[in-house]
All heavy atoms as atom14 arrays in JSON, in Angstrom:
{
  "sequence": "GAGFLDQYVTAMSHTSAFVRCQAVVGIRLCEGAGVSTVPALLPLLG",
  "atom14_mask": [
    [1, 1, 1, 1, 0, 0, 0, 0, 0, 0, 0, 0, 0, 0],
    [1, 1, 1, 1, 1, 0, 0, 0, 0, 0, 0, 0, 0, 0],
    [1, 1, 1, 1, 0, 0, 0, 0, 0, 0, 0, 0, 0, 0],
    [1, 1, 1, 1, 1, 1, 1, 1, 1, 1, 1, 0, 0, 0],
    [1, 1, 1, 1, 1, 1, 1, 1, 0, 0, 0, 0, 0, 0],
    [1, 1, 1, 1, 1, 1, 1, 1, 0, 0, 0, 0, 0, 0],
    [1, 1, 1, 1, 1, 1, 1, 1, 1, 0, 0, 0, 0, 0],
    [1, 1, 1, 1, 1, 1, 1, 1, 1, 1, 1, 1, 0, 0],
    [1, 1, 1, 1, 1, 1, 1, 0, 0, 0, 0, 0, 0, 0],
    [1, 1, 1, 1, 1, 1, 1, 0, 0, 0, 0, 0, 0, 0],
    [1, 1, 1, 1, 1, 0, 0, 0, 0, 0, 0, 0, 0, 0],
    [1, 1, 1, 1, 1, 1, 1, 1, 0, 0, 0, 0, 0, 0],
    [1, 1, 1, 1, 1, 1, 0, 0, 0, 0, 0, 0, 0, 0],
    [1, 1, 1, 1, 1, 1, 1, 1, 1, 1, 0, 0, 0, 0],
    [1, 1, 1, 1, 1, 1, 1, 0, 0, 0, 0, 0, 0, 0],
    [1, 1, 1, 1, 1, 1, 0, 0, 0, 0, 0, 0, 0, 0],
    [1, 1, 1, 1, 1, 0, 0, 0, 0, 0, 0, 0, 0, 0],
    [1, 1, 1, 1, 1, 1, 1, 1, 1, 1, 1, 0, 0, 0],
    [1, 1, 1, 1, 1, 1, 1, 0, 0, 0, 0, 0, 0, 0],
    [1, 1, 1, 1, 1, 1, 1, 1, 1, 1, 1, 0, 0, 0],
    [1, 1, 1, 1, 1, 1, 0, 0, 0, 0, 0, 0, 0, 0],
    [1, 1, 1, 1, 1, 1, 1, 1, 1, 0, 0, 0, 0, 0],
    [1, 1, 1, 1, 1, 0, 0, 0, 0, 0, 0, 0, 0, 0],
    [1, 1, 1, 1, 1, 1, 1, 0, 0, 0, 0, 0, 0, 0],
    [1, 1, 1, 1, 1, 1, 1, 0, 0, 0, 0, 0, 0, 0],
    [1, 1, 1, 1, 0, 0, 0, 0, 0, 0, 0, 0, 0, 0],
    [1, 1, 1, 1, 1, 1, 1, 1, 0, 0, 0, 0, 0, 0],
    [1, 1, 1, 1, 1, 1, 1, 1, 1, 1, 1, 0, 0, 0],
    [1, 1, 1, 1, 1, 1, 1, 1, 0, 0, 0, 0, 0, 0],
    [1, 1, 1, 1, 1, 1, 0, 0, 0, 0, 0, 0, 0, 0],
    [1, 1, 1, 1, 1, 1, 1, 1, 1, 0, 0, 0, 0, 0],
    [1, 1, 1, 1, 0, 0, 0, 0, 0, 0, 0, 0, 0, 0],
    [1, 1, 1, 1, 1, 0, 0, 0, 0, 0, 0, 0, 0, 0],
    [1, 1, 1, 1, 0, 0, 0, 0, 0, 0, 0, 0, 0, 0],
    [1, 1, 1, 1, 1, 1, 1, 0, 0, 0, 0, 0, 0, 0],
    [1, 1, 1, 1, 1, 1, 0, 0, 0, 0, 0, 0, 0, 0],
    [1, 1, 1, 1, 1, 1, 1, 0, 0, 0, 0, 0, 0, 0],
    [1, 1, 1, 1, 1, 1, 1, 0, 0, 0, 0, 0, 0, 0],
    [1, 1, 1, 1, 1, 1, 1, 0, 0, 0, 0, 0, 0, 0],
    [1, 1, 1, 1, 1, 0, 0, 0, 0, 0, 0, 0, 0, 0],
    [1, 1, 1, 1, 1, 1, 1, 1, 0, 0, 0, 0, 0, 0],
    [1, 1, 1, 1, 1, 1, 1, 1, 0, 0, 0, 0, 0, 0],
    [1, 1, 1, 1, 1, 1, 1, 0, 0, 0, 0, 0, 0, 0],
    [1, 1, 1, 1, 1, 1, 1, 1, 0, 0, 0, 0, 0, 0],
    [1, 1, 1, 1, 1, 1, 1, 1, 0, 0, 0, 0, 0, 0],
    [1, 1, 1, 1, 0, 0, 0, 0, 0, 0, 0, 0, 0, 0]
  ],
  "atom14_positions": [
    [[0.15, -36.48, 5.92], [1.36, -37.01, 6.23], [1.32, -38.61, 6.37], [0.39, -39.23, 6.21], [0.0, 0.0, 0.0], [0.0, 0.0, 0.0], [0.0, 0.0, 0.0], [0.0, 0.0, 0.0], [0.0, 0.0, 0.0], [0.0, 0.0, 0.0], [0.0, 0.0, 0.0], [0.0, 0.0, 0.0], [0.0, 0.0, 0.0], [0.0, 0.0, 0.0]],
    [[2.47, -39.13, 6.62], [2.73, -40.61, 6.56], [2.03, -41.35, 7.58], [1.59, -42.47, 7.4], [4.19, -40.92, 6.76], [0.0, 0.0, 0.0], [0.0, 0.0, 0.0], [0.0, 0.0, 0.0], [0.0, 0.0, 0.0], [0.0, 0.0, 0.0], [0.0, 0.0, 0.0], [0.0, 0.0, 0.0], [0.0, 0.0, 0.0], [0.0, 0.0, 0.0]],
    [[1.5, -40.61, 8.59], [0.73, -41.33, 9.51], [-0.72, -41.72, 8.99], [-1.4, -42.69, 9.66], [0.0, 0.0, 0.0], [0.0, 0.0, 0.0], [0.0, 0.0, 0.0], [0.0, 0.0, 0.0], [0.0, 0.0, 0.0], [0.0, 0.0, 0.0], [0.0, 0.0, 0.0], [0.0, 0.0, 0.0], [0.0, 0.0, 0.0], [0.0, 0.0, 0.0]],
    [[-1.05, -41.27, 7.76], [-2.32, -41.6, 7.17], [-2.12, -42.41, 5.96], [-3.01, -42.35, 5.08], [-3.08, -40.36, 6.94], [-3.64, -39.58, 8.17], [-2.74, -38.82, 8.96], [-4.99, -39.74, 8.58], [-3.28, -38.21, 9.99], [-5.47, -39.15, 9.78], [-4.65, -38.4, 10.51], [0.0, 0.0, 0.0], [0.0, 0.0, 0.0], [0.0, 0.0, 0.0]],
    [[-0.97, -43.01, 5.86], [-0.69, -43.65, 4.6], [-1.59, -44.81, 4.17], [-2.11, -44.85, 3.05], [0.76, -44.25, 4.67], [1.38, -44.6, 3.29], [1.51, -43.6, 2.45], [2.8, -45.22, 3.64], [0.0, 0.0, 0.0], [0.0, 0.0, 0.0], [0.0, 0.0, 0.0], [0.0, 0.0, 0.0], [0.0, 0.0, 0.0], [0.0, 0.0, 0.0]],
    [[-2.12, -45.54, 5.24], [-2.95, -46.65, 4.84], [-4.4, -46.03, 4.46], [-4.98, -46.58, 3.62], [-3.25, -47.41, 6.35], [-2.02, -48.31, 6.65], [-1.22, -48.49, 5.68], [-2.01, -48.7, 7.74], [0.0, 0.0, 0.0], [0.0, 0.0, 0.0], [0.0, 0.0, 0.0], [0.0, 0.0, 0.0], [0.0, 0.0, 0.0], [0.0, 0.0, 0.0]],
    [[-4.78, -44.89, 5.09], [-5.92, -44.3, 4.7], [-5.94, -43.78, 3.38], [-6.9, -43.95, 2.55], [-6.4, -43.14, 5.8], [-6.8, -43.72, 7.05], [-5.65, -43.66, 8.01], [-4.46, -44.04, 7.61], [-5.86, -43.4, 9.23], [0.0, 0.0, 0.0], [0.0, 0.0, 0.0], [0.0, 0.0, 0.0], [0.0, 0.0, 0.0], [0.0, 0.0, 0.0]],
    [[-4.75, -43.29, 2.78], [-4.63, -42.73, 1.54], [-4.69, -44.07, 0.48], [-5.41, -43.89, -0.56], [-3.27, -42.15, 1.35], [-3.14, -40.67, 1.92], [-2.07, -40.3, 2.61], [-4.19, -39.73, 1.53], [-1.93, -38.99, 3.04], [-4.13, -38.49, 2.13], [-2.93, -37.99, 2.77], [-2.73, -36.77, 3.38], [0.0, 0.0, 0.0], [0.0, 0.0, 0.0]],
    [[-4.09, -45.17, 0.93], [-4.13, -46.36, -0.03], [-5.53, -46.76, -0.09], [-6.11, -47.09, -1.24], [-3.2, -47.41, 0.61], [-3.58, -48.7, -0.23], [-1.79, -47.03, 0.59], [0.0, 0.0, 0.0], [0.0, 0.0, 0.0], [0.0, 0.0, 0.0], [0.0, 0.0, 0.0], [0.0, 0.0, 0.0], [0.0, 0.0, 0.0], [0.0, 0.0, 0.0]],
    [[-6.28, -46.71, 0.95], [-7.73, -47.16, 0.76], [-8.51, -46.19, 0.03], [-9.36, -46.65, -0.83], [-8.39, -47.2, 2.31], [-7.74, -48.15, 3.04], [-9.79, -47.56, 2.18], [0.0, 0.0, 0.0], [0.0, 0.0, 0.0], [0.0, 0.0, 0.0], [0.0, 0.0, 0.0], [0.0, 0.0, 0.0], [0.0, 0.0, 0.0], [0.0, 0.0, 0.0]],
    [[-8.27, -44.88, 0.1], [-8.95, -43.91, -0.65], [-8.69, -43.85, -2.14], [-9.49, -43.39, -3.01], [-8.76, -42.58, -0.09], [0.0, 0.0, 0.0], [0.0, 0.0, 0.0], [0.0, 0.0, 0.0], [0.0, 0.0, 0.0], [0.0, 0.0, 0.0], [0.0, 0.0, 0.0], [0.0, 0.0, 0.0], [0.0, 0.0, 0.0], [0.0, 0.0, 0.0]],
    [[-7.57, -44.55, -2.48], [-7.18, -44.67, -3.94], [-8.27, -45.46, -4.65], [-8.27, -45.64, -5.92], [-5.84, -45.09, -4.07], [-4.8, -44.02, -3.83], [-3.19, -44.4, -4.38], [-2.75, -45.88, -3.6], [0.0, 0.0, 0.0], [0.0, 0.0, 0.0], [0.0, 0.0, 0.0], [0.0, 0.0, 0.0], [0.0, 0.0, 0.0], [0.0, 0.0, 0.0]],
    [[-9.08, -46.28, -3.99], [-10.09, -47.13, -4.62], [-11.48, -46.51, -4.49], [-12.45, -47.11, -4.77], [-10.08, -48.5, -4.02], [-10.44, -48.49, -2.63], [0.0, 0.0, 0.0], [0.0, 0.0, 0.0], [0.0, 0.0, 0.0], [0.0, 0.0, 0.0], [0.0, 0.0, 0.0], [0.0, 0.0, 0.0], [0.0, 0.0, 0.0], [0.0, 0.0, 0.0]],
    [[-11.61, -45.25, -4.05], [-12.93, -44.66, -3.82], [-13.53, -44.53, -5.2], [-12.9, -44.41, -6.35], [-12.66, -43.22, -3.23], [-13.78, -42.65, -2.67], [-14.94, -42.05, -3.41], [-14.24, -42.51, -1.37], [-15.76, -41.59, -2.64], [-15.5, -41.86, -1.47], [0.0, 0.0, 0.0], [0.0, 0.0, 0.0], [0.0, 0.0, 0.0], [0.0, 0.0, 0.0]],
    [[-14.84, -44.48, -5.29], [-15.61, -44.47, -6.46], [-15.37, -42.96, -7.22], [-15.69, -42.82, -8.36], [-17.11, -44.64, -6.27], [-17.53, -43.7, -5.24], [-17.33, -46.09, -5.78], [0.0, 0.0, 0.0], [0.0, 0.0, 0.0], [0.0, 0.0, 0.0], [0.0, 0.0, 0.0], [0.0, 0.0, 0.0], [0.0, 0.0, 0.0], [0.0, 0.0, 0.0]],
    [[-15.09, -42.02, -6.38], [-14.88, -40.65, -6.81], [-13.53, -40.48, -7.4], [-12.42, -40.66, -6.69], [-15.07, -39.51, -5.77], [-14.57, -38.27, -6.24], [0.0, 0.0, 0.0], [0.0, 0.0, 0.0], [0.0, 0.0, 0.0], [0.0, 0.0, 0.0], [0.0, 0.0, 0.0], [0.0, 0.0, 0.0], [0.0, 0.0, 0.0], [0.0, 0.0, 0.0]],
    [[-13.34, -40.13, -8.74], [-12.02, -39.83, -9.36], [-11.35, -38.69, -8.63], [-10.11, -38.79, -8.44], [-12.19, -39.58, -10.79], [0.0, 0.0, 0.0], [0.0, 0.0, 0.0], [0.0, 0.0, 0.0], [0.0, 0.0, 0.0], [0.0, 0.0, 0.0], [0.0, 0.0, 0.0], [0.0, 0.0, 0.0], [0.0, 0.0, 0.0], [0.0, 0.0, 0.0]],
    [[-12.05, -37.74, -8.13], [-11.44, -36.5, -7.43], [-10.84, -37.07, -6.19], [-9.7, -36.66, -5.78], [-12.48, -35.53, -7.19], [-11.74, -34.23, -6.55], [-10.83, -33.58, -7.25], [-12.34, -33.7, -5.41], [-10.2, -32.41, -6.61], [-11.66, -32.66, -4.85], [-10.69, -32.04, -5.45], [0.0, 0.0, 0.0], [0.0, 0.0, 0.0], [0.0, 0.0, 0.0]],
    [[-11.47, -37.91, -5.39], [-10.91, -38.47, -4.22], [-9.77, -39.27, -4.4], [-8.67, -39.23, -3.79], [-11.91, -39.13, -3.3], [-11.42, -39.91, -2.22], [-13.14, -38.27, -2.86], [0.0, 0.0, 0.0], [0.0, 0.0, 0.0], [0.0, 0.0, 0.0], [0.0, 0.0, 0.0], [0.0, 0.0, 0.0], [0.0, 0.0, 0.0], [0.0, 0.0, 0.0]],
    [[-9.78, -40.11, -5.53], [-8.66, -41.02, -5.89], [-7.47, -40.17, -6.12], [-6.21, -40.46, -5.79], [-8.92, -41.89, -7.12], [-10.03, -42.94, -6.73], [-10.11, -44.01, -7.88], [-10.26, -43.56, -9.21], [-11.42, -43.43, -9.77], [-12.52, -43.54, -9.04], [-11.48, -42.99, -11.01], [0.0, 0.0, 0.0], [0.0, 0.0, 0.0], [0.0, 0.0, 0.0]],
    [[-7.67, -39.13, -6.96], [-6.62, -38.25, -7.45], [-5.94, -37.63, -6.23], [-4.68, -37.45, -6.11], [-7.19, -37.14, -8.37], [-6.02, -36.12, -9.12], [0.0, 0.0, 0.0], [0.0, 0.0, 0.0], [0.0, 0.0, 0.0], [0.0, 0.0, 0.0], [0.0, 0.0, 0.0], [0.0, 0.0, 0.0], [0.0, 0.0, 0.0], [0.0, 0.0, 0.0]],
    [[-6.73, -37.11, -5.23], [-6.3, -36.3, -4.07], [-5.53, -37.31, -3.09], [-4.44, -36.94, -2.55], [-7.31, -35.68, -3.24], [-7.9, -34.62, -4.01], [-7.02, -33.43, -4.26], [-6.6, -32.81, -3.28], [-6.83, -33.12, -5.51], [0.0, 0.0, 0.0], [0.0, 0.0, 0.0], [0.0, 0.0, 0.0], [0.0, 0.0, 0.0], [0.0, 0.0, 0.0]],
    [[-5.96, -38.58, -3.01], [-5.3, -39.66, -2.44], [-3.77, -39.92, -2.91], [-2.87, -40.03, -2.09], [-6.13, -40.86, -2.25], [0.0, 0.0, 0.0], [0.0, 0.0, 0.0], [0.0, 0.0, 0.0], [0.0, 0.0, 0.0], [0.0, 0.0, 0.0], [0.0, 0.0, 0.0], [0.0, 0.0, 0.0], [0.0, 0.0, 0.0], [0.0, 0.0, 0.0]],
    [[-3.74, -39.93, -4.23], [-2.47, -40.17, -4.92], [-1.54, -39.01, -4.56], [-0.39, -39.26, -4.18], [-2.69, -40.3, -6.41], [-1.29, -40.39, -7.03], [-3.5, -41.66, -6.71], [0.0, 0.0, 0.0], [0.0, 0.0, 0.0], [0.0, 0.0, 0.0], [0.0, 0.0, 0.0], [0.0, 0.0, 0.0], [0.0, 0.0, 0.0], [0.0, 0.0, 0.0]],
    [[-2.07, -37.71, -4.64], [-1.23, -36.58, -4.22], [-0.77, -36.67, -2.87], [0.4, -36.47, -2.53], [-1.95, -35.23, -4.54], [-1.09, -34.2, -4.04], [-2.25, -35.17, -6.03], [0.0, 0.0, 0.0], [0.0, 0.0, 0.0], [0.0, 0.0, 0.0], [0.0, 0.0, 0.0], [0.0, 0.0, 0.0], [0.0, 0.0, 0.0], [0.0, 0.0, 0.0]],
    [[-1.61, -37.2, -1.91], [-1.24, -37.33, -0.47], [-0.15, -38.24, -0.4], [0.76, -37.99, 0.44], [0.0, 0.0, 0.0], [0.0, 0.0, 0.0], [0.0, 0.0, 0.0], [0.0, 0.0, 0.0], [0.0, 0.0, 0.0], [0.0, 0.0, 0.0], [0.0, 0.0, 0.0], [0.0, 0.0, 0.0], [0.0, 0.0, 0.0], [0.0, 0.0, 0.0]],
    [[-0.18, -39.34, -1.08], [0.94, -40.31, -0.92], [2.2, -39.79, -1.53], [3.24, -39.98, -0.9], [0.54, -41.65, -1.74], [-0.57, -42.48, -1.08], [1.75, -42.64, -1.96], [-1.0, -43.7, -1.75], [0.0, 0.0, 0.0], [0.0, 0.0, 0.0], [0.0, 0.0, 0.0], [0.0, 0.0, 0.0], [0.0, 0.0, 0.0], [0.0, 0.0, 0.0]],
    [[2.12, -39.0, -2.56], [3.39, -38.44, -3.24], [4.02, -37.47, -2.18], [5.21, -37.29, -2.2], [3.05, -37.68, -4.46], [4.21, -37.15, -5.17], [3.98, -36.67, -6.58], [3.25, -35.48, -6.66], [1.96, -35.48, -7.23], [1.33, -36.68, -7.73], [1.29, -34.44, -7.38], [0.0, 0.0, 0.0], [0.0, 0.0, 0.0], [0.0, 0.0, 0.0]],
    [[3.2, -36.8, -1.3], [3.76, -35.83, -0.3], [4.15, -36.56, 0.91], [4.68, -35.84, 1.8], [2.72, -34.76, 0.0], [2.3, -33.91, -1.31], [1.21, -32.93, -0.94], [3.42, -33.11, -1.82], [0.0, 0.0, 0.0], [0.0, 0.0, 0.0], [0.0, 0.0, 0.0], [0.0, 0.0, 0.0], [0.0, 0.0, 0.0], [0.0, 0.0, 0.0]],
    [[3.97, -37.81, 1.13], [4.42, -38.51, 2.31], [5.83, -38.96, 2.2], [6.2, -39.63, 1.28], [3.51, -39.76, 2.5], [1.88, -39.46, 3.12], [0.0, 0.0, 0.0], [0.0, 0.0, 0.0], [0.0, 0.0, 0.0], [0.0, 0.0, 0.0], [0.0, 0.0, 0.0], [0.0, 0.0, 0.0], [0.0, 0.0, 0.0], [0.0, 0.0, 0.0]],
    [[6.66, -38.55, 3.11], [8.05, -38.99, 3.09], [8.05, -40.42, 3.53], [7.33, -40.98, 4.34], [8.95, -38.21, 4.01], [9.12, -36.8, 3.7], [9.9, -36.6, 2.38], [10.79, -37.57, 2.12], [9.72, -35.65, 1.65], [0.0, 0.0, 0.0], [0.0, 0.0, 0.0], [0.0, 0.0, 0.0], [0.0, 0.0, 0.0], [0.0, 0.0, 0.0]],
    [[8.88, -41.22, 2.7], [8.95, -42.62, 3.03], [7.87, -43.49, 2.55], [7.82, -44.7, 2.86], [0.0, 0.0, 0.0], [0.0, 0.0, 0.0], [0.0, 0.0, 0.0], [0.0, 0.0, 0.0], [0.0, 0.0, 0.0], [0.0, 0.0, 0.0], [0.0, 0.0, 0.0], [0.0, 0.0, 0.0], [0.0, 0.0, 0.0], [0.0, 0.0, 0.0]],
    [[7.01, -42.9, 1.63], [6.0, -43.75, 0.95], [6.5, -44.55, -0.02], [6.86, -44.1, -1.29], [4.9, -42.84, 0.56], [0.0, 0.0, 0.0], [0.0, 0.0, 0.0], [0.0, 0.0, 0.0], [0.0, 0.0, 0.0], [0.0, 0.0, 0.0], [0.0, 0.0, 0.0], [0.0, 0.0, 0.0], [0.0, 0.0, 0.0], [0.0, 0.0, 0.0]],
    [[6.81, -45.86, 0.18], [7.61, -46.61, -0.73], [6.82, -48.01, -1.04], [5.81, -47.85, -1.7], [0.0, 0.0, 0.0], [0.0, 0.0, 0.0], [0.0, 0.0, 0.0], [0.0, 0.0, 0.0], [0.0, 0.0, 0.0], [0.0, 0.0, 0.0], [0.0, 0.0, 0.0], [0.0, 0.0, 0.0], [0.0, 0.0, 0.0], [0.0, 0.0, 0.0]],
    [[7.37, -49.05, -0.7], [6.88, -50.5, -1.11], [5.51, -50.6, -0.86], [4.81, -51.24, -1.71], [7.81, -51.51, -0.33], [7.29, -52.83, -0.79], [9.25, -51.39, -0.72], [0.0, 0.0, 0.0], [0.0, 0.0, 0.0], [0.0, 0.0, 0.0], [0.0, 0.0, 0.0], [0.0, 0.0, 0.0], [0.0, 0.0, 0.0], [0.0, 0.0, 0.0]],
    [[5.01, -50.15, 0.24], [3.64, -50.51, 0.69], [2.67, -49.87, -0.27], [1.53, -50.32, -0.35], [3.41, -50.13, 2.15], [3.53, -48.58, 2.19], [0.0, 0.0, 0.0], [0.0, 0.0, 0.0], [0.0, 0.0, 0.0], [0.0, 0.0, 0.0], [0.0, 0.0, 0.0], [0.0, 0.0, 0.0], [0.0, 0.0, 0.0], [0.0, 0.0, 0.0]],
    [[3.0, -48.76, -0.95], [1.99, -48.13, -1.75], [2.08, -48.57, -3.33], [1.12, -48.35, -4.09], [2.36, -46.52, -1.81], [3.6, -46.37, -2.43], [2.27, -46.06, -0.42], [0.0, 0.0, 0.0], [0.0, 0.0, 0.0], [0.0, 0.0, 0.0], [0.0, 0.0, 0.0], [0.0, 0.0, 0.0], [0.0, 0.0, 0.0], [0.0, 0.0, 0.0]],
    [[3.11, -49.3, -3.72], [3.23, -49.63, -5.1], [2.01, -50.44, -5.58], [1.58, -50.31, -6.72], [4.58, -50.31, -5.33], [4.67, -50.9, -6.76], [5.75, -49.27, -5.26], [0.0, 0.0, 0.0], [0.0, 0.0, 0.0], [0.0, 0.0, 0.0], [0.0, 0.0, 0.0], [0.0, 0.0, 0.0], [0.0, 0.0, 0.0], [0.0, 0.0, 0.0]],
    [[1.7, -51.54, -4.88], [0.62, -52.38, -5.37], [-0.71, -51.62, -5.68], [-1.41, -52.04, -6.52], [0.38, -53.48, -4.32], [1.78, -53.51, -3.66], [2.18, -52.09, -3.68], [0.0, 0.0, 0.0], [0.0, 0.0, 0.0], [0.0, 0.0, 0.0], [0.0, 0.0, 0.0], [0.0, 0.0, 0.0], [0.0, 0.0, 0.0], [0.0, 0.0, 0.0]],
    [[-0.91, -50.65, -4.78], [-2.16, -49.75, -5.13], [-2.02, -48.81, -6.24], [-2.96, -48.41, -6.77], [-2.44, -49.16, -3.78], [0.0, 0.0, 0.0], [0.0, 0.0, 0.0], [0.0, 0.0, 0.0], [0.0, 0.0, 0.0], [0.0, 0.0, 0.0], [0.0, 0.0, 0.0], [0.0, 0.0, 0.0], [0.0, 0.0, 0.0], [0.0, 0.0, 0.0]],
    [[-0.7, -48.27, -6.24], [-0.47, -47.31, -7.45], [-0.56, -47.74, -8.79], [-0.99, -47.2, -9.71], [0.83, -46.5, -7.11], [0.72, -45.47, -5.95], [2.26, -45.06, -5.6], [-0.13, -44.23, -6.41], [0.0, 0.0, 0.0], [0.0, 0.0, 0.0], [0.0, 0.0, 0.0], [0.0, 0.0, 0.0], [0.0, 0.0, 0.0], [0.0, 0.0, 0.0]],
    [[0.14, -49.05, -9.04], [0.25, -49.5, -10.28], [-1.13, -49.63, -11.08], [-1.2, -49.22, -12.28], [0.92, -50.84, -10.23], [2.51, -50.87, -9.98], [3.04, -52.17, -9.76], [3.25, -50.04, -11.11], [0.0, 0.0, 0.0], [0.0, 0.0, 0.0], [0.0, 0.0, 0.0], [0.0, 0.0, 0.0], [0.0, 0.0, 0.0], [0.0, 0.0, 0.0]],
    [[-2.11, -50.17, -10.63], [-3.42, -50.24, -11.31], [-4.04, -48.91, -11.73], [-4.57, -48.87, -12.66], [-4.48, -50.9, -10.17], [-3.63, -51.58, -9.31], [-2.26, -50.77, -9.24], [0.0, 0.0, 0.0], [0.0, 0.0, 0.0], [0.0, 0.0, 0.0], [0.0, 0.0, 0.0], [0.0, 0.0, 0.0], [0.0, 0.0, 0.0], [0.0, 0.0, 0.0]],
    [[-3.63, -47.8, -10.94], [-4.1, -46.39, -11.33], [-3.41, -45.92, -12.52], [-3.85, -44.9, -13.06], [-3.97, -45.56, -10.08], [-4.79, -45.82, -8.96], [-4.65, -44.67, -7.84], [-6.19, -45.98, -9.2], [0.0, 0.0, 0.0], [0.0, 0.0, 0.0], [0.0, 0.0, 0.0], [0.0, 0.0, 0.0], [0.0, 0.0, 0.0], [0.0, 0.0, 0.0]],
    [[-2.25, -46.51, -12.96], [-1.7, -46.16, -14.26], [-2.83, -46.25, -15.37], [-2.59, -45.69, -16.38], [-0.43, -46.91, -14.54], [0.74, -46.76, -13.59], [1.87, -47.72, -13.95], [1.22, -45.28, -13.74], [0.0, 0.0, 0.0], [0.0, 0.0, 0.0], [0.0, 0.0, 0.0], [0.0, 0.0, 0.0], [0.0, 0.0, 0.0], [0.0, 0.0, 0.0]],
    [[-3.64, -47.22, -15.2], [-4.75, -47.41, -16.22], [-6.03, -46.83, -15.85], [-7.12, -47.37, -16.31], [0.0, 0.0, 0.0], [0.0, 0.0, 0.0], [0.0, 0.0, 0.0], [0.0, 0.0, 0.0], [0.0, 0.0, 0.0], [0.0, 0.0, 0.0], [0.0, 0.0, 0.0], [0.0, 0.0, 0.0], [0.0, 0.0, 0.0], [0.0, 0.0, 0.0]]
  ]
}
């Protein structure tokens, strides 16, 4: 949930692709995950 949003954002830079992938899914399932997550999500498009 949204209480762990900061931890999910940090995990998106993990060396493991599987952890990064799961962290992104966690953010997607968080209600209200908006502006604060965009800077971390955009680099993952590549």
